[in-house]
Amino acid sequence: MIVWTRWGILALPFVGIGAIFGFCIAALIYPDVPFGGPYTGTQAQIPLGCGFILSAVLMWVVVKLTVGKIIDKPTPVWVQRELATPIVDQWGRTQKYTWVQPIDEQTGQPMVQQPVSTLFFIPLPFLPYVQGIGGVVLLVIGAFGHMS
């Protein structure tokens, strides 16, 4: 089961992009093997590691350009405040409350809520680093696998 909130699901295509990058790199390194395999031993780990690292860099750029600007923009907070005297509106309804935006006492600025997109409870801005670490792990495993 995949667990995500808001726009966190957008990180999943970058895993596929990393695999495609890796297979393209493998096709350049091992021209005698058909595209996509079959690879023997650790032949695919180093190219896939490189692909995941390249894809993590691409995801980092996308996250930096979108989070806070297009995705997960701060939204204003609104609270109900009781009126000192009830107001009767034009339709004859009595209103006892009004909606106001609270002000932060320390900064004097209106309060905002900062939404967070996650994938498997990891915030979206951290996911490029997780994928990059996965690529480095594949590179290390592949490098030590070729040495033995």
C-alpha atoms as a PDB file:
ATOM      1  CA  MET A   1       0.000   0.000   0.000  1.00  0.00           C
ATOM      2  CA  ILE A   2       1.290   3.441  -0.956  1.00  0.00           C
ATOM      3  CA  VAL A   3       0.713   6.123   1.670  1.00  0.00           C
ATOM      4  CA  TRP A   4       0.834   9.753   0.577  1.00  0.00           C
ATOM      5  CA  THR A   5      -0.670  13.137   1.372  1.00  0.00           C
ATOM      6  CA  ARG A   6      -1.376  15.984  -1.010  1.00  0.00           C
ATOM      7  CA  TRP A   7       1.267  16.034  -3.803  1.00  0.00           C
ATOM      8  CA  GLY A   8       3.639  13.415  -2.374  1.00  0.00           C
ATOM      9  CA  ILE A   9       2.570  10.886  -5.018  1.00  0.00           C
ATOM     10  CA  LEU A  10       4.407  12.997  -7.635  1.00  0.00           C
ATOM     11  CA  ALA A  11       7.711  11.604  -6.333  1.00  0.00           C
ATOM     12  CA  LEU A  12       6.937   8.101  -7.650  1.00  0.00           C
ATOM     13  CA  PRO A  13       7.428   8.863 -11.367  1.00  0.00           C
ATOM     14  CA  PHE A  14      10.995   9.956 -10.588  1.00  0.00           C
ATOM     15  CA  VAL A  15      11.799   6.387  -9.496  1.00  0.00           C
ATOM     16  CA  GLY A  16      10.707   5.195 -12.944  1.00  0.00           C
ATOM     17  CA  ILE A  17      12.673   7.984 -14.590  1.00  0.00           C
ATOM     18  CA  GLY A  18      15.726   6.869 -12.598  1.00  0.00           C
ATOM     19  CA  ALA A  19      15.280   3.289 -13.802  1.00  0.00           C
ATOM     20  CA  ILE A  20      14.987   4.488 -17.416  1.00  0.00           C
ATOM     21  CA  PHE A  21      18.126   6.635 -16.986  1.00  0.00           C
ATOM     22  CA  GLY A  22      19.898   3.603 -15.508  1.00  0.00           C
ATOM     23  CA  PHE A  23      18.940   1.299 -18.361  1.00  0.00           C
ATOM     24  CA  CYS A  24      20.058   3.937 -20.888  1.00  0.00           C
ATOM     25  CA  ILE A  25      23.420   4.187 -19.113  1.00  0.00           C
ATOM     26  CA  ALA A  26      23.639   0.373 -19.045  1.00  0.00           C
ATOM     27  CA  ALA A  27      22.947   0.279 -22.791  1.00  0.00           C
ATOM     28  CA  LEU A  28      25.909   2.606 -23.300  1.00  0.00           C
ATOM     29  CA  ILE A  29      28.199   0.627 -20.969  1.00  0.00           C
ATOM     30  CA  TYR A  30      27.166  -2.863 -22.133  1.00  0.00           C
ATOM     31  CA  PRO A  31      26.297  -2.520 -25.846  1.00  0.00           C
ATOM     32  CA  ASP A  32      26.292  -6.303 -26.359  1.00  0.00           C
ATOM     33  CA  VAL A  33      23.405  -6.835 -23.871  1.00  0.00           C
ATOM     34  CA  PRO A  34      19.858  -6.159 -25.166  1.00  0.00           C
ATOM     35  CA  PHE A  35      18.175  -3.013 -23.780  1.00  0.00           C
ATOM     36  CA  GLY A  36      16.687  -3.769 -20.370  1.00  0.00           C
ATOM     37  CA  GLY A  37      18.637  -6.937 -19.691  1.00  0.00           C
ATOM     38  CA  PRO A  38      19.279  -9.690 -18.910  1.00  0.00           C
ATOM     39  CA  TYR A  39      22.262  -8.513 -16.894  1.00  0.00           C
ATOM     40  CA  THR A  40      24.485 -10.877 -14.970  1.00  0.00           C
ATOM     41  CA  GLY A  41      25.531 -10.381 -11.349  1.00  0.00           C
ATOM     42  CA  THR A  42      25.902  -6.736 -10.472  1.00  0.00           C
ATOM     43  CA  GLN A  43      26.007  -5.368 -14.031  1.00  0.00           C
ATOM     44  CA  ALA A  44      22.802  -3.361 -13.558  1.00  0.00           C
ATOM     45  CA  GLN A  45      23.523  -1.949 -10.093  1.00  0.00           C
ATOM     46  CA  ILE A  46      26.075   0.689 -11.080  1.00  0.00           C
ATOM     47  CA  PRO A  47      24.054   2.063 -14.034  1.00  0.00           C
ATOM     48  CA  LEU A  48      20.829   2.000 -11.984  1.00  0.00           C
ATOM     49  CA  GLY A  49      22.605   3.778  -9.132  1.00  0.00           C
ATOM     50  CA  CYS A  50      23.764   6.467 -11.554  1.00  0.00           C
ATOM     51  CA  GLY A  51      20.240   6.710 -12.987  1.00  0.00           C
ATOM     52  CA  PHE A  52      18.686   7.108  -9.553  1.00  0.00           C
ATOM     53  CA  ILE A  53      21.211   9.810  -8.647  1.00  0.00           C
ATOM     54  CA  LEU A  54      20.471  11.703 -11.895  1.00  0.00           C
ATOM     55  CA  SER A  55      16.743  11.337 -11.263  1.00  0.00           C
ATOM     56  CA  ALA A  56      17.187  12.567  -7.671  1.00  0.00           C
ATOM     57  CA  VAL A  57      18.917  15.698  -8.996  1.00  0.00           C
ATOM     58  CA  LEU A  58      16.034  16.236 -11.420  1.00  0.00           C
ATOM     59  CA  MET A  59      13.496  15.726  -8.596  1.00  0.00           C
ATOM     60  CA  TRP A  60      15.424  18.186  -6.384  1.00  0.00           C
ATOM     61  CA  VAL A  61      15.205  20.850  -9.105  1.00  0.00           C
ATOM     62  CA  VAL A  62      11.467  20.232  -9.582  1.00  0.00           C
ATOM     63  CA  VAL A  63      10.848  20.366  -5.811  1.00  0.00           C
ATOM     64  CA  LYS A  64      12.846  23.602  -5.441  1.00  0.00           C
ATOM     65  CA  LEU A  65      10.900  25.229  -8.284  1.00  0.00           C
ATOM     66  CA  THR A  66       7.423  24.115  -7.173  1.00  0.00           C
ATOM     67  CA  VAL A  67       7.124  23.536  -3.411  1.00  0.00           C
ATOM     68  CA  GLY A  68       5.898  26.697  -1.721  1.00  0.00           C
ATOM     69  CA  LYS A  69       5.237  28.417  -5.045  1.00  0.00           C
ATOM     70  CA  ILE A  70       2.846  26.096  -6.901  1.00  0.00           C
ATOM     71  CA  ILE A  71       2.574  23.086  -4.567  1.00  0.00           C
ATOM     72  CA  ASP A  72       2.014  23.483  -0.795  1.00  0.00           C
ATOM     73  CA  LYS A  73       1.504  27.237  -0.841  1.00  0.00           C
ATOM     74  CA  PRO A  74       0.752  28.733   2.586  1.00  0.00           C
ATOM     75  CA  THR A  75      -2.963  29.269   3.158  1.00  0.00           C
ATOM     76  CA  PRO A  76      -4.508  31.814   5.518  1.00  0.00           C
ATOM     77  CA  VAL A  77      -5.975  30.648   8.814  1.00  0.00           C
ATOM     78  CA  TRP A  78      -9.504  31.808   9.673  1.00  0.00           C
ATOM     79  CA  VAL A  79     -11.207  31.602  13.066  1.00  0.00           C
ATOM     80  CA  GLN A  80     -14.655  32.523  14.346  1.00  0.00           C
ATOM     81  CA  ARG A  81     -14.917  35.451  16.726  1.00  0.00           C
ATOM     82  CA  GLU A  82     -18.032  36.187  18.753  1.00  0.00           C
ATOM     83  CA  LEU A  83     -19.585  39.571  18.043  1.00  0.00           C
ATOM     84  CA  ALA A  84     -20.180  41.949  20.959  1.00  0.00           C
ATOM     85  CA  THR A  85     -23.734  42.503  19.748  1.00  0.00           C
ATOM     86  CA  PRO A  86     -25.493  40.162  17.309  1.00  0.00           C
ATOM     87  CA  ILE A  87     -26.174  41.513  13.820  1.00  0.00           C
ATOM     88  CA  VAL A  88     -29.346  40.875  11.811  1.00  0.00           C
ATOM     89  CA  ASP A  89     -28.547  40.509   8.110  1.00  0.00           C
ATOM     90  CA  GLN A  90     -30.731  41.540   5.164  1.00  0.00           C
ATOM     91  CA  TRP A  91     -32.581  38.187   5.188  1.00  0.00           C
ATOM     92  CA  GLY A  92     -33.502  38.485   8.855  1.00  0.00           C
ATOM     93  CA  ARG A  93     -30.945  35.965  10.174  1.00  0.00           C
ATOM     94  CA  THR A  94     -29.152  36.739  13.397  1.00  0.00           C
ATOM     95  CA  GLN A  95     -25.372  36.470  13.205  1.00  0.00           C
ATOM     96  CA  LYS A  96     -23.515  35.981  16.486  1.00  0.00           C
ATOM     97  CA  TYR A  97     -20.071  35.234  15.004  1.00  0.00           C
ATOM     98  CA  THR A  98     -17.791  36.624  12.309  1.00  0.00           C
ATOM     99  CA  TRP A  99     -14.767  35.116  10.548  1.00  0.00           C
ATOM    100  CA  VAL A 100     -11.425  36.853  11.150  1.00  0.00           C
ATOM    101  CA  GLN A 101      -7.817  36.086  10.356  1.00  0.00           C
ATOM    102  CA  PRO A 102      -5.796  35.902  13.588  1.00  0.00           C
ATOM    103  CA  ILE A 103      -2.630  37.956  13.953  1.00  0.00           C
ATOM    104  CA  ASP A 104       0.577  36.458  15.352  1.00  0.00           C
ATOM    105  CA  GLU A 105       1.428  38.443  18.477  1.00  0.00           C
ATOM    106  CA  GLN A 106       5.200  38.048  18.028  1.00  0.00           C
ATOM    107  CA  THR A 107       5.471  39.077  14.373  1.00  0.00           C
ATOM    108  CA  GLY A 108       2.297  41.114  13.863  1.00  0.00           C
ATOM    109  CA  GLN A 109       1.658  39.172  10.626  1.00  0.00           C
ATOM    110  CA  PRO A 110      -1.532  37.255   9.765  1.00  0.00           C
ATOM    111  CA  MET A 111      -1.277  33.538  10.632  1.00  0.00           C
ATOM    112  CA  VAL A 112      -0.935  31.053   7.788  1.00  0.00           C
ATOM    113  CA  GLN A 113      -1.029  27.273   7.618  1.00  0.00           C
ATOM    114  CA  GLN A 114       1.862  25.552   5.835  1.00  0.00           C
ATOM    115  CA  PRO A 115       0.578  22.342   4.184  1.00  0.00           C
ATOM    116  CA  VAL A 116       3.021  19.443   3.724  1.00  0.00           C
ATOM    117  CA  SER A 117       3.036  16.814   0.971  1.00  0.00           C
ATOM    118  CA  THR A 118       4.441  13.426   2.021  1.00  0.00           C
ATOM    119  CA  LEU A 119       5.155   9.988   0.594  1.00  0.00           C
ATOM    120  CA  PHE A 120       5.385   7.227   3.207  1.00  0.00           C
ATOM    121  CA  PHE A 121       5.382   9.980   5.868  1.00  0.00           C
ATOM    122  CA  ILE A 122       8.533  11.588   4.388  1.00  0.00           C
ATOM    123  CA  PRO A 123       8.027  15.263   3.400  1.00  0.00           C
ATOM    124  CA  LEU A 124       8.369  15.960  -0.323  1.00  0.00           C
ATOM    125  CA  PRO A 125      11.443  18.242   0.032  1.00  0.00           C
ATOM    126  CA  PHE A 126      13.399  15.326   1.612  1.00  0.00           C
ATOM    127  CA  LEU A 127      12.503  12.693  -1.008  1.00  0.00           C
ATOM    128  CA  PRO A 128      15.244  13.679  -3.531  1.00  0.00           C
ATOM    129  CA  TYR A 129      17.832  13.018  -0.816  1.00  0.00           C
ATOM    130  CA  VAL A 130      16.278   9.627  -0.014  1.00  0.00           C
ATOM    131  CA  GLN A 131      16.396   8.637  -3.688  1.00  0.00           C
ATOM    132  CA  GLY A 132      19.966   9.947  -4.029  1.00  0.00           C
ATOM    133  CA  ILE A 133      21.044   7.870  -1.014  1.00  0.00           C
ATOM    134  CA  GLY A 134      19.396   4.834  -2.606  1.00  0.00           C
ATOM    135  CA  GLY A 135      21.400   5.484  -5.777  1.00  0.00           C
ATOM    136  CA  VAL A 136      24.645   5.781  -3.813  1.00  0.00           C
ATOM    137  CA  VAL A 137      23.853   2.493  -2.024  1.00  0.00           C
ATOM    138  CA  LEU A 138      23.345   0.791  -5.413  1.00  0.00           C
ATOM    139  CA  LEU A 139      26.638   2.250  -6.653  1.00  0.00           C
ATOM    140  CA  VAL A 140      28.534   0.995  -3.600  1.00  0.00           C
ATOM    141  CA  ILE A 141      26.964  -2.476  -3.784  1.00  0.00           C
ATOM    142  CA  GLY A 142      27.689  -2.642  -7.510  1.00  0.00           C
ATOM    143  CA  ALA A 143      31.267  -1.435  -7.079  1.00  0.00           C
ATOM    144  CA  PHE A 144      32.069  -3.932  -4.328  1.00  0.00           C
ATOM    145  CA  GLY A 145      30.254  -6.666  -6.228  1.00  0.00           C
ATOM    146  CA  HIS A 146      32.514  -6.132  -9.257  1.00  0.00           C
ATOM    147  CA  MET A 147      35.628  -6.234  -7.075  1.00  0.00           C
ATOM    148  CA  SER A 148      34.967  -9.694  -5.637  1.00  0.00           C
END
